[in-house]
Protein backbone atom coordinates (compact mmCIF):
# COMPACT_ATOMS: atom_id res chain seq x y z
CA UNK A 1 0.00 0.00 0.00
CA UNK A 2 1.27 3.45 -0.92
CA UNK A 3 0.13 6.43 1.15
CA UNK A 4 1.10 9.92 0.03
CA UNK A 5 0.71 13.04 2.14
CA UNK A 6 0.79 16.21 0.04
CA UNK A 7 1.63 19.38 1.90
CA UNK A 8 4.11 22.04 2.85
CA UNK A 9 5.32 20.62 6.15
CA UNK A 10 2.88 22.82 8.06
CA UNK A 11 1.46 21.72 11.43
CA UNK A 12 -1.71 20.33 9.78
CA UNK A 13 0.38 18.32 7.32
CA UNK A 14 2.46 16.95 10.19
CA UNK A 15 -0.74 16.03 12.06
CA UNK A 16 -1.95 14.03 9.04
CA UNK A 17 1.36 12.17 8.94
CA UNK A 18 1.13 11.36 12.67
CA UNK A 19 -2.46 10.16 12.26
CA UNK A 20 -1.51 7.99 9.26
CA UNK A 21 1.24 6.29 11.26
CA UNK A 22 -1.09 5.77 14.23
CA UNK A 23 -3.78 4.29 11.96
CA UNK A 24 -1.28 1.94 10.32
CA UNK A 25 -0.06 0.83 13.75
CA UNK A 26 -3.63 0.22 14.97
CA UNK A 27 -4.32 -1.87 11.85
CA UNK A 28 -1.02 -3.75 12.08
CA UNK A 29 0.00 -2.53 8.62
CA UNK A 30 3.13 -0.55 9.50
CA UNK A 31 5.40 -2.93 7.61
CA UNK A 32 3.13 -3.24 4.57
CA UNK A 33 2.64 0.44 3.79
CA UNK A 34 4.92 3.00 2.21
CA UNK A 35 4.27 6.54 3.50
CA UNK A 36 5.58 9.39 1.36
CA UNK A 37 5.76 13.11 2.19
CA UNK A 38 5.21 15.02 -1.08
CA UNK A 39 6.09 18.72 -1.03
CA UNK A 40 6.71 19.43 -4.73
CA UNK A 41 4.23 22.08 -5.98
CA UNK A 42 4.48 20.75 -9.54
CA UNK A 43 3.55 17.24 -8.38
CA UNK A 44 0.66 18.67 -6.36
CA UNK A 45 -0.65 20.53 -9.41
CA UNK A 46 -0.24 17.47 -11.63
CA UNK A 47 -2.26 15.36 -9.17
CA UNK A 48 -5.03 17.94 -8.76
CA UNK A 49 -4.23 19.00 -5.20
CA UNK A 50 -5.72 22.43 -4.51
CA UNK A 51 -5.78 22.48 -0.71
CA UNK A 52 -3.25 20.95 1.67
CA UNK A 53 -2.94 18.69 3.42
CA UNK A 54 -4.09 16.09 0.91
CA UNK A 55 -4.02 12.35 1.43
CA UNK A 56 -3.74 9.76 -1.34
CA UNK A 57 -4.01 6.01 -0.84
CA UNK A 58 -2.77 3.85 -3.71
CA UNK A 59 -2.96 6.80 -6.09
CA UNK A 60 -6.50 7.92 -5.18
CA UNK A 61 -7.18 11.22 -3.41
CA UNK A 62 -9.18 10.38 -0.28
CA UNK A 63 -8.90 13.62 1.71
CA UNK A 64 -8.01 17.23 0.98
CA UNK A 65 -7.84 20.43 2.99
CA UNK A 66 -8.42 18.85 6.41
CA UNK A 67 -6.82 16.66 9.03
CA UNK A 68 -8.63 13.31 9.09
CA UNK A 69 -8.74 11.59 12.47
CA UNK A 70 -7.01 8.29 13.13
CA UNK A 71 -10.41 6.58 12.93
CA UNK A 72 -11.23 8.22 9.61
CA UNK A 73 -7.87 7.16 8.17
CA UNK A 74 -8.40 3.60 9.40
CA UNK A 75 -11.75 3.56 7.61
CA UNK A 76 -10.22 4.96 4.41
CA UNK A 77 -7.46 2.34 4.49
CA UNK A 78 -10.03 -0.39 5.09
CA UNK A 79 -12.09 0.78 2.11
CA UNK A 80 -9.02 0.68 -0.14
CA UNK A 81 -8.20 -2.88 0.93
CA UNK A 82 -11.53 -4.32 -0.24
């Protein structure tokens, strides 16, 4: 599983990263997921990111412009695994 966090390194972006790692730990998927921090504005534009932070799971944008909770991220990961 590939999880990408698009942002500028701001506090909200860091909170998303923390929540992603907590969700992966809760689900026991820490070793099976690759988490990437994407800060390149050109890549953001190419992928249609308008507001940060944005969260992509396996190439699909699942959240943008907010900090999803650990529970929300767990649900999003679960939906992508089906």
